[in-house]
Amino acid sequence: MPVRICLATVVCVLLLPHGTVDAQQGDDDAVPETRFITTSTFHVPYGADRASVMWWVDSVMVPTARMNPNVHWLRVVTHNHGSNGGDVVFMREYMDWAAIGAPCEACNEWFQERQPEEGTPEREEWDAHLAMFLKYYAEHADQIYTVNMSRAK
């Protein structure tokens, strides 16, 4: 019997409203609007390899991200100063967590329509750019950040 009384007391205490209020919460304890930013960072040295990788980024990665309804915005940034001059970073904003892994059928169709036919010189070039991209992207690092939009400009 004492265990039931103790458990009932704990449940009641947990259900009671808490007396402290965070000064930042505002009216109605509204949860601030948040978004998610993902980054994928990889390193591509300057030279012929970089030109091939950036061709793939500009010709395939950027167009598919632009048409993806789950991606709110995309930025492809490159390191401009310092020791990591070959870094490439994909930054994407999503409206919610579910959008990060949500499928994009239009993106898949776009890719299939533009992929050259097997056995053609165009397909060999396509595959060479893809292989070069994957060579460097294989070493990428991913991060996911949460953005409190009350702190955004």
C-alpha atoms as a PDB file:
ATOM      1  CA  MET A   1       0.000   0.000   0.000  1.00  0.00           C
ATOM      2  CA  PRO A   2       2.743   2.577   0.760  1.00  0.00           C
ATOM      3  CA  VAL A   3       4.153   2.066  -2.771  1.00  0.00           C
ATOM      4  CA  ARG A   4       0.788   2.994  -4.319  1.00  0.00           C
ATOM      5  CA  ILE A   5       0.525   6.125  -2.189  1.00  0.00           C
ATOM      6  CA  CYS A   6       4.066   7.148  -3.102  1.00  0.00           C
ATOM      7  CA  LEU A   7       3.444   6.508  -6.806  1.00  0.00           C
ATOM      8  CA  ALA A   8       0.144   8.433  -6.722  1.00  0.00           C
ATOM      9  CA  THR A   9       1.906  11.372  -5.042  1.00  0.00           C
ATOM     10  CA  VAL A  10       4.644  11.436  -7.689  1.00  0.00           C
ATOM     11  CA  VAL A  11       2.066  11.352 -10.506  1.00  0.00           C
ATOM     12  CA  CYS A  12       0.090  14.212  -8.926  1.00  0.00           C
ATOM     13  CA  VAL A  13       3.223  16.328  -8.517  1.00  0.00           C
ATOM     14  CA  LEU A  14       4.190  15.755 -12.152  1.00  0.00           C
ATOM     15  CA  LEU A  15       0.724  16.784 -13.336  1.00  0.00           C
ATOM     16  CA  LEU A  16       0.659  20.027 -11.353  1.00  0.00           C
ATOM     17  CA  PRO A  17       1.569  23.164 -13.294  1.00  0.00           C
ATOM     18  CA  HIS A  18       5.046  24.411 -12.545  1.00  0.00           C
ATOM     19  CA  GLY A  19       5.343  27.766 -10.810  1.00  0.00           C
ATOM     20  CA  THR A  20       8.371  29.045 -12.719  1.00  0.00           C
ATOM     21  CA  VAL A  21       8.047  30.725 -16.086  1.00  0.00           C
ATOM     22  CA  ASP A  22      10.950  31.467 -18.401  1.00  0.00           C
ATOM     23  CA  ALA A  23      11.100  35.177 -19.185  1.00  0.00           C
ATOM     24  CA  GLN A  24      11.591  34.379 -22.880  1.00  0.00           C
ATOM     25  CA  GLN A  25       8.414  32.305 -23.219  1.00  0.00           C
ATOM     26  CA  GLY A  26       5.935  35.104 -23.810  1.00  0.00           C
ATOM     27  CA  ASP A  27       2.159  34.701 -23.927  1.00  0.00           C
ATOM     28  CA  ASP A  28       0.518  31.300 -23.741  1.00  0.00           C
ATOM     29  CA  ASP A  29       3.890  29.581 -23.321  1.00  0.00           C
ATOM     30  CA  ALA A  30       4.170  29.509 -27.123  1.00  0.00           C
ATOM     31  CA  VAL A  31       6.842  27.247 -28.512  1.00  0.00           C
ATOM     32  CA  PRO A  32       9.143  29.280 -30.773  1.00  0.00           C
ATOM     33  CA  GLU A  33       9.083  28.484 -34.468  1.00  0.00           C
ATOM     34  CA  THR A  34      12.079  26.366 -35.392  1.00  0.00           C
ATOM     35  CA  ARG A  35      13.683  25.183 -38.602  1.00  0.00           C
ATOM     36  CA  PHE A  36      16.408  22.684 -39.338  1.00  0.00           C
ATOM     37  CA  ILE A  37      19.662  23.385 -41.167  1.00  0.00           C
ATOM     38  CA  THR A  38      21.753  20.519 -42.468  1.00  0.00           C
ATOM     39  CA  THR A  39      25.333  20.827 -43.620  1.00  0.00           C
ATOM     40  CA  SER A  40      27.421  18.389 -45.610  1.00  0.00           C
ATOM     41  CA  THR A  41      31.089  19.342 -45.775  1.00  0.00           C
ATOM     42  CA  PHE A  42      33.783  17.780 -47.918  1.00  0.00           C
ATOM     43  CA  HIS A  43      37.177  18.764 -49.256  1.00  0.00           C
ATOM     44  CA  VAL A  44      38.096  18.996 -52.956  1.00  0.00           C
ATOM     45  CA  PRO A  45      41.567  20.311 -53.820  1.00  0.00           C
ATOM     46  CA  TYR A  46      41.852  22.942 -56.521  1.00  0.00           C
ATOM     47  CA  GLY A  47      42.570  21.589 -59.996  1.00  0.00           C
ATOM     48  CA  ALA A  48      40.960  19.365 -62.635  1.00  0.00           C
ATOM     49  CA  ASP A  49      39.247  17.149 -60.058  1.00  0.00           C
ATOM     50  CA  ARG A  50      37.557  20.167 -58.502  1.00  0.00           C
ATOM     51  CA  ALA A  51      36.216  21.324 -61.869  1.00  0.00           C
ATOM     52  CA  SER A  52      34.655  17.905 -62.430  1.00  0.00           C
ATOM     53  CA  VAL A  53      33.162  17.773 -58.929  1.00  0.00           C
ATOM     54  CA  MET A  54      31.727  21.278 -59.234  1.00  0.00           C
ATOM     55  CA  TRP A  55      30.263  20.382 -62.645  1.00  0.00           C
ATOM     56  CA  TRP A  56      28.340  17.566 -60.918  1.00  0.00           C
ATOM     57  CA  VAL A  57      27.284  19.879 -58.077  1.00  0.00           C
ATOM     58  CA  ASP A  58      26.057  22.587 -60.473  1.00  0.00           C
ATOM     59  CA  SER A  59      24.493  20.232 -63.036  1.00  0.00           C
ATOM     60  CA  VAL A  60      22.869  17.645 -60.768  1.00  0.00           C
ATOM     61  CA  MET A  61      22.941  18.421 -57.036  1.00  0.00           C
ATOM     62  CA  VAL A  62      21.744  22.037 -57.185  1.00  0.00           C
ATOM     63  CA  PRO A  63      18.912  21.507 -59.700  1.00  0.00           C
ATOM     64  CA  THR A  64      17.490  18.558 -57.769  1.00  0.00           C
ATOM     65  CA  ALA A  65      17.634  20.461 -54.472  1.00  0.00           C
ATOM     66  CA  ARG A  66      15.920  23.459 -56.087  1.00  0.00           C
ATOM     67  CA  MET A  67      12.992  21.340 -57.239  1.00  0.00           C
ATOM     68  CA  ASN A  68      12.722  19.429 -53.959  1.00  0.00           C
ATOM     69  CA  PRO A  69       9.648  20.767 -52.123  1.00  0.00           C
ATOM     70  CA  ASN A  70      11.127  19.571 -48.815  1.00  0.00           C
ATOM     71  CA  VAL A  71      14.141  21.903 -49.103  1.00  0.00           C
ATOM     72  CA  HIS A  72      13.212  25.451 -48.079  1.00  0.00           C
ATOM     73  CA  TRP A  73      16.538  26.870 -49.292  1.00  0.00           C
ATOM     74  CA  LEU A  74      19.923  25.627 -50.415  1.00  0.00           C
ATOM     75  CA  ARG A  75      23.347  27.196 -50.389  1.00  0.00           C
ATOM     76  CA  VAL A  76      26.538  25.703 -51.782  1.00  0.00           C
ATOM     77  CA  VAL A  77      29.395  27.533 -50.137  1.00  0.00           C
ATOM     78  CA  THR A  78      33.108  27.219 -50.708  1.00  0.00           C
ATOM     79  CA  HIS A  79      35.832  28.144 -48.265  1.00  0.00           C
ATOM     80  CA  ASN A  80      37.339  31.440 -49.347  1.00  0.00           C
ATOM     81  CA  HIS A  81      40.167  32.148 -46.952  1.00  0.00           C
ATOM     82  CA  GLY A  82      42.429  30.134 -44.705  1.00  0.00           C
ATOM     83  CA  SER A  83      43.834  26.639 -44.621  1.00  0.00           C
ATOM     84  CA  ASN A  84      40.652  24.855 -45.735  1.00  0.00           C
ATOM     85  CA  GLY A  85      40.450  26.511 -49.143  1.00  0.00           C
ATOM     86  CA  GLY A  86      39.152  23.387 -50.861  1.00  0.00           C
ATOM     87  CA  ASP A  87      36.134  22.896 -48.595  1.00  0.00           C
ATOM     88  CA  VAL A  88      32.674  22.682 -50.157  1.00  0.00           C
ATOM     89  CA  VAL A  89      29.618  22.895 -47.914  1.00  0.00           C
ATOM     90  CA  PHE A  90      26.020  22.131 -48.824  1.00  0.00           C
ATOM     91  CA  MET A  91      23.641  23.996 -46.521  1.00  0.00           C
ATOM     92  CA  ARG A  92      19.926  23.196 -46.652  1.00  0.00           C
ATOM     93  CA  GLU A  93      17.051  24.547 -44.592  1.00  0.00           C
ATOM     94  CA  TYR A  94      14.014  22.403 -43.839  1.00  0.00           C
ATOM     95  CA  MET A  95      10.755  23.537 -42.270  1.00  0.00           C
ATOM     96  CA  ASP A  96      10.579  20.513 -39.959  1.00  0.00           C
ATOM     97  CA  TRP A  97      12.391  17.322 -39.003  1.00  0.00           C
ATOM     98  CA  ALA A  98      10.263  15.100 -41.261  1.00  0.00           C
ATOM     99  CA  ALA A  99      11.279  17.081 -44.364  1.00  0.00           C
ATOM    100  CA  ILE A 100      14.941  16.100 -43.940  1.00  0.00           C
ATOM    101  CA  GLY A 101      14.363  12.488 -44.935  1.00  0.00           C
ATOM    102  CA  ALA A 102      11.205  12.956 -46.981  1.00  0.00           C
ATOM    103  CA  PRO A 103      11.273  11.486 -50.490  1.00  0.00           C
ATOM    104  CA  CYS A 104      11.213  13.638 -53.616  1.00  0.00           C
ATOM    105  CA  GLU A 105       9.676  11.735 -56.504  1.00  0.00           C
ATOM    106  CA  ALA A 106      10.048  14.725 -58.862  1.00  0.00           C
ATOM    107  CA  CYS A 107      13.789  14.755 -58.094  1.00  0.00           C
ATOM    108  CA  ASN A 108      14.122  11.064 -58.930  1.00  0.00           C
ATOM    109  CA  GLU A 109      12.209  11.548 -62.201  1.00  0.00           C
ATOM    110  CA  TRP A 110      14.349  14.568 -63.124  1.00  0.00           C
ATOM    111  CA  PHE A 111      17.513  12.554 -62.529  1.00  0.00           C
ATOM    112  CA  GLN A 112      16.290   9.583 -64.588  1.00  0.00           C
ATOM    113  CA  GLU A 113      15.249  11.845 -67.482  1.00  0.00           C
ATOM    114  CA  ARG A 114      18.638  13.578 -67.638  1.00  0.00           C
ATOM    115  CA  GLN A 115      20.879  10.591 -67.121  1.00  0.00           C
ATOM    116  CA  PRO A 116      22.291   9.766 -70.560  1.00  0.00           C
ATOM    117  CA  GLU A 117      21.622   6.402 -72.125  1.00  0.00           C
ATOM    118  CA  GLU A 118      23.994   3.529 -71.290  1.00  0.00           C
ATOM    119  CA  GLY A 119      26.837   2.966 -73.751  1.00  0.00           C
ATOM    120  CA  THR A 120      26.938   6.527 -75.086  1.00  0.00           C
ATOM    121  CA  PRO A 121      29.864   8.975 -74.823  1.00  0.00           C
ATOM    122  CA  GLU A 122      27.559  11.309 -72.868  1.00  0.00           C
ATOM    123  CA  ARG A 123      26.924   8.571 -70.316  1.00  0.00           C
ATOM    124  CA  GLU A 124      30.669   7.923 -69.980  1.00  0.00           C
ATOM    125  CA  GLU A 125      31.216  11.618 -69.253  1.00  0.00           C
ATOM    126  CA  TRP A 126      28.257  11.636 -66.816  1.00  0.00           C
ATOM    127  CA  ASP A 127      29.637   8.584 -65.000  1.00  0.00           C
ATOM    128  CA  ALA A 128      33.136  10.107 -64.853  1.00  0.00           C
ATOM    129  CA  HIS A 129      31.772  13.267 -63.180  1.00  0.00           C
ATOM    130  CA  LEU A 130      29.707  11.165 -60.776  1.00  0.00           C
ATOM    131  CA  ALA A 131      32.720   8.997 -59.883  1.00  0.00           C
ATOM    132  CA  MET A 132      34.837  12.096 -59.242  1.00  0.00           C
ATOM    133  CA  PHE A 133      32.107  13.617 -57.049  1.00  0.00           C
ATOM    134  CA  LEU A 134      31.746  10.390 -55.061  1.00  0.00           C
ATOM    135  CA  LYS A 135      35.518  10.119 -54.633  1.00  0.00           C
ATOM    136  CA  TYR A 136      35.536  13.312 -52.577  1.00  0.00           C
ATOM    137  CA  TYR A 137      32.015  13.200 -51.132  1.00  0.00           C
ATOM    138  CA  ALA A 138      32.753   9.778 -49.629  1.00  0.00           C
ATOM    139  CA  GLU A 139      34.724  11.613 -46.921  1.00  0.00           C
ATOM    140  CA  HIS A 140      32.008  14.173 -46.133  1.00  0.00           C
ATOM    141  CA  ALA A 141      30.767  15.126 -42.663  1.00  0.00           C
ATOM    142  CA  ASP A 142      27.114  15.888 -41.868  1.00  0.00           C
ATOM    143  CA  GLN A 143      25.643  18.100 -39.169  1.00  0.00           C
ATOM    144  CA  ILE A 144      22.045  18.995 -38.329  1.00  0.00           C
ATOM    145  CA  TYR A 145      21.285  22.262 -36.551  1.00  0.00           C
ATOM    146  CA  THR A 146      18.082  23.639 -35.048  1.00  0.00           C
ATOM    147  CA  VAL A 147      17.294  27.299 -35.652  1.00  0.00           C
ATOM    148  CA  ASN A 148      15.046  29.223 -33.285  1.00  0.00           C
ATOM    149  CA  MET A 149      13.461  31.619 -35.779  1.00  0.00           C
ATOM    150  CA  SER A 150      12.988  34.318 -33.137  1.00  0.00           C
ATOM    151  CA  ARG A 151      16.779  34.709 -33.412  1.00  0.00           C
ATOM    152  CA  ALA A 152      16.803  34.882 -37.224  1.00  0.00           C
ATOM    153  CA  LYS A 153      16.905  37.962 -39.372  1.00  0.00           C
END
